[in-house]
Amino acid sequence: IRGTLCITSHHLLLSPRGGATEEGKQEDMVLWLLL
C-alpha cells in the first residue's frame, strides 16, 4: 500500500489518503504503530 508516512513523538502513521496527523482517527490509518 502506498501513502503518506508521518512520525509523531510516540507513533508511526501511514495513511493512504495523505495528510495524517497525530489527532487522526486510527481507523483511517493503514499503519498505526507505537514506536
Full PDB file with SEQRES, HELIX, SHEET, SSBOND, CRYST1, ORIGX, SCALE, CONECT and MASTER records, all heavy atoms in Angstrom:
SEQRES   1 A   35  ILE ARG GLY THR LEU CYS ILE THR SER HIS HIS LEU LEU          
SEQRES   2 A   35  LEU SER PRO ARG GLY GLY ALA THR GLU GLU GLY LYS GLN          
SEQRES   3 A   35  GLU ASP MET VAL LEU TRP LEU LEU LEU                          
HELIX    1 AA1 GLN A   26  ASP A   28  5                                   3    
SHEET    1 AA1 3 THR A   4  ILE A   7  0                                        
SHEET    2 AA1 3 HIS A  11  SER A  15 -1                                        
SHEET    3 AA1 3 LEU A  31  LEU A  34 -1                                        
CRYST1    1.000    1.000    1.000  90.00  90.00  90.00 P 1           1          
ORIGX1      1.000000  0.000000  0.000000        0.00000                         
ORIGX2      0.000000  1.000000  0.000000        0.00000                         
ORIGX3      0.000000  0.000000  1.000000        0.00000                         
SCALE1      1.000000  0.000000  0.000000        0.00000                         
SCALE2      0.000000  1.000000  0.000000        0.00000                         
SCALE3      0.000000  0.000000  1.000000        0.00000                         
ATOM      1  N   ILE A   1       0.862  -1.186   0.000  1.00  0.00           N  
ATOM      2  CA  ILE A   1       0.000   0.000   0.000  1.00  0.00           C  
ATOM      3  C   ILE A   1       0.894   1.230   0.000  1.00  0.00           C  
ATOM      4  O   ILE A   1       1.882   1.293   0.733  1.00  0.00           O  
ATOM      5  CB  ILE A   1      -0.923   0.011   1.229  1.00  0.00           C  
ATOM      6  CG1 ILE A   1      -1.847  -1.216   1.214  1.00  0.00           C  
ATOM      7  CG2 ILE A   1      -1.747   1.293   1.282  1.00  0.00           C  
ATOM      8  CD1 ILE A   1      -2.713  -1.344   2.445  1.00  0.00           C  
ATOM      9  N   ARG A   2       0.526   2.212  -0.811  1.00  0.00           N  
ATOM     10  CA  ARG A   2       1.301   3.440  -0.898  1.00  0.00           C  
ATOM     11  C   ARG A   2       0.509   4.583  -0.253  1.00  0.00           C  
ATOM     12  O   ARG A   2      -0.701   4.696  -0.431  1.00  0.00           O  
ATOM     13  CB  ARG A   2       1.610   3.778  -2.348  1.00  0.00           C  
ATOM     14  CG  ARG A   2       2.626   4.908  -2.541  1.00  0.00           C  
ATOM     15  CD  ARG A   2       2.952   5.103  -4.009  1.00  0.00           C  
ATOM     16  NE  ARG A   2       3.596   3.923  -4.556  1.00  0.00           N  
ATOM     17  CZ  ARG A   2       4.907   3.697  -4.520  1.00  0.00           C  
ATOM     18  NH1 ARG A   2       5.710   4.576  -3.946  1.00  0.00           N  
ATOM     19  NH2 ARG A   2       5.416   2.605  -5.066  1.00  0.00           N  
ATOM     20  N   GLY A   3       1.211   5.409   0.516  1.00  0.00           N  
ATOM     21  CA  GLY A   3       0.534   6.507   1.178  1.00  0.00           C  
ATOM     22  C   GLY A   3       1.513   7.491   1.780  1.00  0.00           C  
ATOM     23  O   GLY A   3       2.701   7.508   1.451  1.00  0.00           O  
ATOM     24  N   THR A   4       1.008   8.310   2.700  1.00  0.00           N  
ATOM     25  CA  THR A   4       1.815   9.334   3.372  1.00  0.00           C  
ATOM     26  C   THR A   4       2.227   8.831   4.740  1.00  0.00           C  
ATOM     27  O   THR A   4       1.384   8.404   5.540  1.00  0.00           O  
ATOM     28  CB  THR A   4       1.016  10.636   3.520  1.00  0.00           C  
ATOM     29  OG1 THR A   4       0.699  11.131   2.221  1.00  0.00           O  
ATOM     30  CG2 THR A   4       1.824  11.684   4.271  1.00  0.00           C  
ATOM     31  N   LEU A   5       3.521   8.887   5.017  1.00  0.00           N  
ATOM     32  CA  LEU A   5       4.077   8.430   6.291  1.00  0.00           C  
ATOM     33  C   LEU A   5       4.324   9.622   7.191  1.00  0.00           C  
ATOM     34  O   LEU A   5       4.935  10.614   6.774  1.00  0.00           O  
ATOM     35  CB  LEU A   5       5.382   7.676   6.058  1.00  0.00           C  
ATOM     36  CG  LEU A   5       6.055   7.071   7.292  1.00  0.00           C  
ATOM     37  CD1 LEU A   5       5.265   5.862   7.786  1.00  0.00           C  
ATOM     38  CD2 LEU A   5       7.498   6.664   6.989  1.00  0.00           C  
ATOM     39  N   CYS A   6       3.843   9.536   8.423  1.00  0.00           N  
ATOM     40  CA  CYS A   6       4.064  10.584   9.413  1.00  0.00           C  
ATOM     41  C   CYS A   6       4.659   9.962  10.670  1.00  0.00           C  
ATOM     42  O   CYS A   6       4.276   8.861  11.075  1.00  0.00           O  
ATOM     43  CB  CYS A   6       2.762  11.303   9.769  1.00  0.00           C  
ATOM     44  SG  CYS A   6       2.057  12.247   8.410  1.00  0.00           S  
ATOM     45  N   ILE A   7       5.567  10.690  11.297  1.00  0.00           N  
ATOM     46  CA  ILE A   7       6.143  10.236  12.553  1.00  0.00           C  
ATOM     47  C   ILE A   7       5.851  11.280  13.621  1.00  0.00           C  
ATOM     48  O   ILE A   7       6.052  12.475  13.420  1.00  0.00           O  
ATOM     49  CB  ILE A   7       7.663   9.976  12.415  1.00  0.00           C  
ATOM     50  CG1 ILE A   7       8.229   9.413  13.725  1.00  0.00           C  
ATOM     51  CG2 ILE A   7       8.422  11.214  11.968  1.00  0.00           C  
ATOM     52  CD1 ILE A   7       9.644   8.882  13.581  1.00  0.00           C  
ATOM     53  N   THR A   8       5.300  10.818  14.747  1.00  0.00           N  
ATOM     54  CA  THR A   8       4.995  11.681  15.888  1.00  0.00           C  
ATOM     55  C   THR A   8       5.896  11.270  17.050  1.00  0.00           C  
ATOM     56  O   THR A   8       6.759  10.407  16.913  1.00  0.00           O  
ATOM     57  CB  THR A   8       3.521  11.567  16.284  1.00  0.00           C  
ATOM     58  OG1 THR A   8       3.289  10.285  16.884  1.00  0.00           O  
ATOM     59  CG2 THR A   8       2.610  11.745  15.079  1.00  0.00           C  
ATOM     60  N   SER A   9       5.661  11.864  18.190  1.00  0.00           N  
ATOM     61  CA  SER A   9       6.518  11.579  19.342  1.00  0.00           C  
ATOM     62  C   SER A   9       6.459  10.121  19.779  1.00  0.00           C  
ATOM     63  O   SER A   9       7.420   9.609  20.346  1.00  0.00           O  
ATOM     64  CB  SER A   9       6.118  12.476  20.519  1.00  0.00           C  
ATOM     65  OG  SER A   9       6.290  13.837  20.193  1.00  0.00           O  
ATOM     66  N   HIS A  10       5.332   9.452  19.518  1.00  0.00           N  
ATOM     67  CA  HIS A  10       5.181   8.080  20.002  1.00  0.00           C  
ATOM     68  C   HIS A  10       4.685   7.100  18.950  1.00  0.00           C  
ATOM     69  O   HIS A  10       4.660   5.895  19.217  1.00  0.00           O  
ATOM     70  CB  HIS A  10       4.221   8.049  21.201  1.00  0.00           C  
ATOM     71  CG  HIS A  10       4.737   8.766  22.405  1.00  0.00           C  
ATOM     72  ND1 HIS A  10       4.357  10.050  22.715  1.00  0.00           N  
ATOM     73  CD2 HIS A  10       5.611   8.390  23.374  1.00  0.00           C  
ATOM     74  CE1 HIS A  10       4.975  10.429  23.824  1.00  0.00           C  
ATOM     75  NE2 HIS A  10       5.726   9.453  24.242  1.00  0.00           N  
ATOM     76  N   HIS A  11       4.267   7.567  17.784  1.00  0.00           N  
ATOM     77  CA  HIS A  11       3.681   6.673  16.791  1.00  0.00           C  
ATOM     78  C   HIS A  11       4.272   6.889  15.401  1.00  0.00           C  
ATOM     79  O   HIS A  11       4.756   7.978  15.073  1.00  0.00           O  
ATOM     80  CB  HIS A  11       2.158   6.873  16.701  1.00  0.00           C  
ATOM     81  CG  HIS A  11       1.404   6.318  17.861  1.00  0.00           C  
ATOM     82  ND1 HIS A  11       1.143   7.057  18.989  1.00  0.00           N  
ATOM     83  CD2 HIS A  11       0.860   5.086  18.076  1.00  0.00           C  
ATOM     84  CE1 HIS A  11       0.462   6.311  19.847  1.00  0.00           C  
ATOM     85  NE2 HIS A  11       0.276   5.120  19.321  1.00  0.00           N  
ATOM     86  N   LEU A  12       4.183   5.841  14.619  1.00  0.00           N  
ATOM     87  CA  LEU A  12       4.469   5.897  13.193  1.00  0.00           C  
ATOM     88  C   LEU A  12       3.158   5.639  12.471  1.00  0.00           C  
ATOM     89  O   LEU A  12       2.513   4.607  12.700  1.00  0.00           O  
ATOM     90  CB  LEU A  12       5.510   4.843  12.813  1.00  0.00           C  
ATOM     91  CG  LEU A  12       6.109   4.951  11.402  1.00  0.00           C  
ATOM     92  CD1 LEU A  12       6.962   6.210  11.304  1.00  0.00           C  
ATOM     93  CD2 LEU A  12       6.948   3.723  11.079  1.00  0.00           C  
ATOM     94  N   LEU A  13       2.742   6.579  11.620  1.00  0.00           N  
ATOM     95  CA  LEU A  13       1.436   6.511  10.983  1.00  0.00           C  
ATOM     96  C   LEU A  13       1.605   6.486   9.466  1.00  0.00           C  
ATOM     97  O   LEU A  13       2.473   7.161   8.913  1.00  0.00           O  
ATOM     98  CB  LEU A  13       0.581   7.728  11.356  1.00  0.00           C  
ATOM     99  CG  LEU A  13       0.542   8.143  12.825  1.00  0.00           C  
ATOM    100  CD1 LEU A  13      -0.247   9.425  12.986  1.00  0.00           C  
ATOM    101  CD2 LEU A  13      -0.057   7.030  13.672  1.00  0.00           C  
ATOM    102  N   LEU A  14       0.752   5.718   8.802  1.00  0.00           N  
ATOM    103  CA  LEU A  14       0.708   5.747   7.343  1.00  0.00           C  
ATOM    104  C   LEU A  14      -0.743   5.771   6.897  1.00  0.00           C  
ATOM    105  O   LEU A  14      -1.538   4.904   7.267  1.00  0.00           O  
ATOM    106  CB  LEU A  14       1.432   4.548   6.725  1.00  0.00           C  
ATOM    107  CG  LEU A  14       1.594   4.645   5.195  1.00  0.00           C  
ATOM    108  CD1 LEU A  14       2.986   4.204   4.775  1.00  0.00           C  
ATOM    109  CD2 LEU A  14       0.555   3.807   4.469  1.00  0.00           C  
ATOM    110  N   SER A  15      -1.078   6.789   6.109  1.00  0.00           N  
ATOM    111  CA  SER A  15      -2.441   6.962   5.617  1.00  0.00           C  
ATOM    112  C   SER A  15      -2.442   6.873   4.103  1.00  0.00           C  
ATOM    113  O   SER A  15      -1.626   7.524   3.450  1.00  0.00           O  
ATOM    114  CB  SER A  15      -3.003   8.318   6.055  1.00  0.00           C  
ATOM    115  OG  SER A  15      -4.228   8.583   5.408  1.00  0.00           O  
ATOM    116  N   PRO A  16      -3.341   6.101   3.518  1.00  0.00           N  
ATOM    117  CA  PRO A  16      -3.386   6.006   2.054  1.00  0.00           C  
ATOM    118  C   PRO A  16      -3.880   7.273   1.394  1.00  0.00           C  
ATOM    119  O   PRO A  16      -3.663   7.489   0.210  1.00  0.00           O  
ATOM    120  CB  PRO A  16      -4.359   4.845   1.820  1.00  0.00           C  
ATOM    121  CG  PRO A  16      -5.236   4.834   3.025  1.00  0.00           C  
ATOM    122  CD  PRO A  16      -4.357   5.257   4.161  1.00  0.00           C  
ATOM    123  N   ARG A  17      -4.545   8.151   2.168  1.00  0.00           N  
ATOM    124  CA  ARG A  17      -5.101   9.375   1.591  1.00  0.00           C  
ATOM    125  C   ARG A  17      -4.211  10.583   1.824  1.00  0.00           C  
ATOM    126  O   ARG A  17      -4.468  11.650   1.313  1.00  0.00           O  
ATOM    127  CB  ARG A  17      -6.488   9.642   2.185  1.00  0.00           C  
ATOM    128  CG  ARG A  17      -7.505   8.583   1.805  1.00  0.00           C  
ATOM    129  CD  ARG A  17      -8.896   9.029   2.189  1.00  0.00           C  
ATOM    130  NE  ARG A  17      -9.047   9.143   3.624  1.00  0.00           N  
ATOM    131  CZ  ARG A  17      -9.376   8.137   4.414  1.00  0.00           C  
ATOM    132  NH1 ARG A  17      -9.557   6.920   3.896  1.00  0.00           N  
ATOM    133  NH2 ARG A  17      -9.521   8.303   5.699  1.00  0.00           N  
ATOM    134  N   GLY A  18      -3.209  10.403   2.686  1.00  0.00           N  
ATOM    135  CA  GLY A  18      -2.302  11.516   2.958  1.00  0.00           C  
ATOM    136  C   GLY A  18      -2.867  12.441   4.015  1.00  0.00           C  
ATOM    137  O   GLY A  18      -4.034  12.382   4.393  1.00  0.00           O  
ATOM    138  N   GLY A  19      -2.009  13.316   4.510  1.00  0.00           N  
ATOM    139  CA  GLY A  19      -2.448  14.318   5.469  1.00  0.00           C  
ATOM    140  C   GLY A  19      -2.689  13.778   6.857  1.00  0.00           C  
ATOM    141  O   GLY A  19      -3.461  14.349   7.604  1.00  0.00           O  
ATOM    142  N   ALA A  20      -2.053  12.688   7.243  1.00  0.00           N  
ATOM    143  CA  ALA A  20      -2.268  12.123   8.568  1.00  0.00           C  
ATOM    144  C   ALA A  20      -1.619  12.987   9.635  1.00  0.00           C  
ATOM    145  O   ALA A  20      -0.549  13.534   9.458  1.00  0.00           O  
ATOM    146  CB  ALA A  20      -1.696  10.714   8.624  1.00  0.00           C  
ATOM    147  N   THR A  21      -2.295  13.125  10.734  1.00  0.00           N  
ATOM    148  CA  THR A  21      -1.756  13.852  11.875  1.00  0.00           C  
ATOM    149  C   THR A  21      -1.910  12.990  13.109  1.00  0.00           C  
ATOM    150  O   THR A  21      -2.580  11.963  13.108  1.00  0.00           O  
ATOM    151  CB  THR A  21      -2.504  15.185  12.099  1.00  0.00           C  
ATOM    152  OG1 THR A  21      -3.867  14.890  12.438  1.00  0.00           O  
ATOM    153  CG2 THR A  21      -2.468  16.059  10.846  1.00  0.00           C  
ATOM    154  N   GLU A  22      -1.288  13.431  14.201  1.00  0.00           N  
ATOM    155  CA  GLU A  22      -1.378  12.653  15.435  1.00  0.00           C  
ATOM    156  C   GLU A  22      -2.803  12.600  15.949  1.00  0.00           C  
ATOM    157  O   GLU A  22      -3.197  11.680  16.645  1.00  0.00           O  
ATOM    158  CB  GLU A  22      -0.453  13.263  16.500  1.00  0.00           C  
ATOM    159  CG  GLU A  22      -0.326  12.395  17.737  1.00  0.00           C  
ATOM    160  CD  GLU A  22       0.762  12.877  18.674  1.00  0.00           C  
ATOM    161  OE1 GLU A  22       1.328  13.957  18.428  1.00  0.00           O  
ATOM    162  OE2 GLU A  22       1.036  12.170  19.646  1.00  0.00           O  
ATOM    163  N   GLU A  23      -3.623  13.603  15.561  1.00  0.00           N  
ATOM    164  CA  GLU A  23      -5.016  13.589  16.007  1.00  0.00           C  
ATOM    165  C   GLU A  23      -5.911  12.812  15.046  1.00  0.00           C  
ATOM    166  O   GLU A  23      -7.126  12.719  15.247  1.00  0.00           O  
ATOM    167  CB  GLU A  23      -5.542  15.029  16.112  1.00  0.00           C  
ATOM    168  CG  GLU A  23      -4.928  15.833  17.256  1.00  0.00           C  
ATOM    169  CD  GLU A  23      -3.523  16.306  16.946  1.00  0.00           C  
ATOM    170  OE1 GLU A  23      -3.188  16.385  15.742  1.00  0.00           O  
ATOM    171  OE2 GLU A  23      -2.765  16.574  17.893  1.00  0.00           O  
ATOM    172  N   GLY A  24      -5.341  12.228  13.992  1.00  0.00           N  
ATOM    173  CA  GLY A  24      -6.136  11.481  13.022  1.00  0.00           C  
ATOM    174  C   GLY A  24      -6.753  10.246  13.633  1.00  0.00           C  
ATOM    175  O   GLY A  24      -6.284   9.715  14.622  1.00  0.00           O  
ATOM    176  N   LYS A  25      -7.829   9.791  13.030  1.00  0.00           N  
ATOM    177  CA  LYS A  25      -8.505   8.613  13.539  1.00  0.00           C  
ATOM    178  C   LYS A  25      -7.717   7.357  13.201  1.00  0.00           C  
ATOM    179  O   LYS A  25      -7.200   7.210  12.107  1.00  0.00           O  
ATOM    180  CB  LYS A  25      -9.910   8.518  12.946  1.00  0.00           C  
ATOM    181  CG  LYS A  25     -10.822   9.673  13.369  1.00  0.00           C  
ATOM    182  CD  LYS A  25     -12.210   9.489  12.781  1.00  0.00           C  
ATOM    183  CE  LYS A  25     -13.121  10.624  13.213  1.00  0.00           C  
ATOM    184  NZ  LYS A  25     -14.471  10.478  12.649  1.00  0.00           N  
ATOM    185  N   GLN A  26      -7.660   6.446  14.164  1.00  0.00           N  
ATOM    186  CA  GLN A  26      -6.884   5.232  13.962  1.00  0.00           C  
ATOM    187  C   GLN A  26      -7.425   4.406  12.810  1.00  0.00           C  
ATOM    188  O   GLN A  26      -6.676   3.800  12.061  1.00  0.00           O  
ATOM    189  CB  GLN A  26      -6.865   4.399  15.253  1.00  0.00           C  
ATOM    190  CG  GLN A  26      -6.052   3.133  15.143  1.00  0.00           C  
ATOM    191  CD  GLN A  26      -5.904   2.455  16.490  1.00  0.00           C  
ATOM    192  OE1 GLN A  26      -6.268   3.001  17.506  1.00  0.00           O  
ATOM    193  NE2 GLN A  26      -5.365   1.261  16.491  1.00  0.00           N  
ATOM    194  N   GLU A  27      -8.746   4.373  12.645  1.00  0.00           N  
ATOM    195  CA  GLU A  27      -9.319   3.541  11.595  1.00  0.00           C  
ATOM    196  C   GLU A  27      -9.021   4.083  10.198  1.00  0.00           C  
ATOM    197  O   GLU A  27      -9.192   3.385   9.204  1.00  0.00           O  
ATOM    198  CB  GLU A  27     -10.836   3.382  11.795  1.00  0.00           C  
ATOM    199  CG  GLU A  27     -11.587   4.690  11.982  1.00  0.00           C  
ATOM    200  CD  GLU A  27     -11.733   5.054  13.436  1.00  0.00           C  
ATOM    201  OE1 GLU A  27     -10.847   4.667  14.223  1.00  0.00           O  
ATOM    202  OE2 GLU A  27     -12.735   5.711  13.795  1.00  0.00           O  
ATOM    203  N   ASP A  28      -8.569   5.349  10.103  1.00  0.00           N  
ATOM    204  CA  ASP A  28      -8.199   5.914   8.812  1.00  0.00           C  
ATOM    205  C   ASP A  28      -6.786   5.517   8.409  1.00  0.00           C  
ATOM    206  O   ASP A  28      -6.360   5.802   7.291  1.00  0.00           O  
ATOM    207  CB  ASP A  28      -8.292   7.438   8.853  1.00  0.00           C  
ATOM    208  CG  ASP A  28      -9.734   7.913   9.012  1.00  0.00           C  
ATOM    209  OD1 ASP A  28     -10.648   7.142   8.673  1.00  0.00           O  
ATOM    210  OD2 ASP A  28      -9.911   9.034   9.486  1.00  0.00           O  
ATOM    211  N   MET A  29      -6.048   4.894   9.317  1.00  0.00           N  
ATOM    212  CA  MET A  29      -4.654   4.591   9.076  1.00  0.00           C  
ATOM    213  C   MET A  29      -4.463   3.154   8.618  1.00  0.00           C  
ATOM    214  O   MET A  29      -5.082   2.228   9.131  1.00  0.00           O  
ATOM    215  CB  MET A  29      -3.832   4.815  10.359  1.00  0.00           C  
ATOM    216  CG  MET A  29      -3.985   6.192  10.964  1.00  0.00           C  
ATOM    217  SD  MET A  29      -3.387   7.488   9.872  1.00  0.00           S  
ATOM    218  CE  MET A  29      -3.960   8.937  10.754  1.00  0.00           C  
ATOM    219  N   VAL A  30      -3.575   2.982   7.657  1.00  0.00           N  
ATOM    220  CA  VAL A  30      -3.139   1.641   7.291  1.00  0.00           C  
ATOM    221  C   VAL A  30      -2.155   1.123   8.337  1.00  0.00           C  
ATOM    222  O   VAL A  30      -2.133  -0.052   8.682  1.00  0.00           O  
ATOM    223  CB  VAL A  30      -2.489   1.659   5.892  1.00  0.00           C  
ATOM    224  CG1 VAL A  30      -1.904   0.284   5.556  1.00  0.00           C  
ATOM    225  CG2 VAL A  30      -3.502   2.066   4.849  1.00  0.00           C  
ATOM    226  N   LEU A  31      -1.344   2.044   8.867  1.00  0.00           N  
ATOM    227  CA  LEU A  31      -0.361   1.697   9.891  1.00  0.00           C  
ATOM    228  C   LEU A  31      -0.505   2.656  11.058  1.00  0.00           C  
ATOM    229  O   LEU A  31      -0.550   3.876  10.877  1.00  0.00           O  
ATOM    230  CB  LEU A  31       1.062   1.785   9.314  1.00  0.00           C  
ATOM    231  CG  LEU A  31       2.209   1.501  10.296  1.00  0.00           C  
ATOM    232  CD1 LEU A  31       2.168   0.036  10.743  1.00  0.00           C  
ATOM    233  CD2 LEU A  31       3.550   1.826   9.668  1.00  0.00           C  
ATOM    234  N   TRP A  32      -0.624   2.118  12.241  1.00  0.00           N  
ATOM    235  CA  TRP A  32      -0.690   2.904  13.483  1.00  0.00           C  
ATOM    236  C   TRP A  32       0.184   2.161  14.481  1.00  0.00           C  
ATOM    237  O   TRP A  32      -0.262   1.345  15.250  1.00  0.00           O  
ATOM    238  CB  TRP A  32      -2.132   3.016  13.965  1.00  0.00           C  
ATOM    239  CG  TRP A  32      -2.337   3.866  15.185  1.00  0.00           C  
ATOM    240  CD1 TRP A  32      -2.035   3.552  16.471  1.00  0.00           C  
ATOM    241  CD2 TRP A  32      -2.914   5.175  15.223  1.00  0.00           C  
ATOM    242  NE1 TRP A  32      -2.371   4.563  17.315  1.00  0.00           N  
ATOM    243  CE2 TRP A  32      -2.916   5.581  16.584  1.00  0.00           C  
ATOM    244  CE3 TRP A  32      -3.415   6.025  14.260  1.00  0.00           C  
ATOM    245  CZ2 TRP A  32      -3.419   6.814  16.988  1.00  0.00           C  
ATOM    246  CZ3 TRP A  32      -3.912   7.252  14.672  1.00  0.00           C  
ATOM    247  CH2 TRP A  32      -3.920   7.643  16.024  1.00  0.00           C  
ATOM    248  N   LEU A  33       1.482   2.448  14.431  1.00  0.00           N  
ATOM    249  CA  LEU A  33       2.465   1.663  15.166  1.00  0.00           C  
ATOM    250  C   LEU A  33       3.039   2.474  16.315  1.00  0.00           C  
ATOM    251  O   LEU A  33       3.617   3.546  16.120  1.00  0.00           O  
ATOM    252  CB  LEU A  33       3.600   1.216  14.233  1.00  0.00           C  
ATOM    253  CG  LEU A  33       4.734   0.400  14.877  1.00  0.00           C  
ATOM    254  CD1 LEU A  33       4.222  -0.959  15.342  1.00  0.00           C  
ATOM    255  CD2 LEU A  33       5.895   0.227  13.898  1.00  0.00           C  
ATOM    256  N   LEU A  34       2.889   1.939  17.530  1.00  0.00           N  
ATOM    257  CA  LEU A  34       3.524   2.543  18.694  1.00  0.00           C  
ATOM    258  C   LEU A  34       5.037   2.322  18.578  1.00  0.00           C  
ATOM    259  O   LEU A  34       5.504   1.191  18.456  1.00  0.00           O  
ATOM    260  CB  LEU A  34       2.986   1.903  19.970  1.00  0.00           C  
ATOM    261  CG  LEU A  34       3.411   2.526  21.300  1.00  0.00           C  
ATOM    262  CD1 LEU A  34       2.876   3.952  21.424  1.00  0.00           C  
ATOM    263  CD2 LEU A  34       2.915   1.683  22.472  1.00  0.00           C  
ATOM    264  N   LEU A  35       5.800   3.402  18.589  1.00  0.00           N  
ATOM    265  CA  LEU A  35       7.237   3.295  18.354  1.00  0.00           C  
ATOM    266  C   LEU A  35       7.940   2.437  19.393  1.00  0.00           C  
ATOM    267  O   LEU A  35       8.974   1.830  19.124  1.00  0.00           O  
ATOM    268  CB  LEU A  35       7.860   4.698  18.306  1.00  0.00           C  
ATOM    269  CG  LEU A  35       7.445   5.545  17.098  1.00  0.00           C  
ATOM    270  CD1 LEU A  35       7.986   6.958  17.221  1.00  0.00           C  
ATOM    271  CD2 LEU A  35       7.920   4.908  15.807  1.00  0.00           C  
TER     272      LEU A  35                                                      
MASTER        0    0    0    1    3    0    0    6  271    1    0    3          
END                                                                             
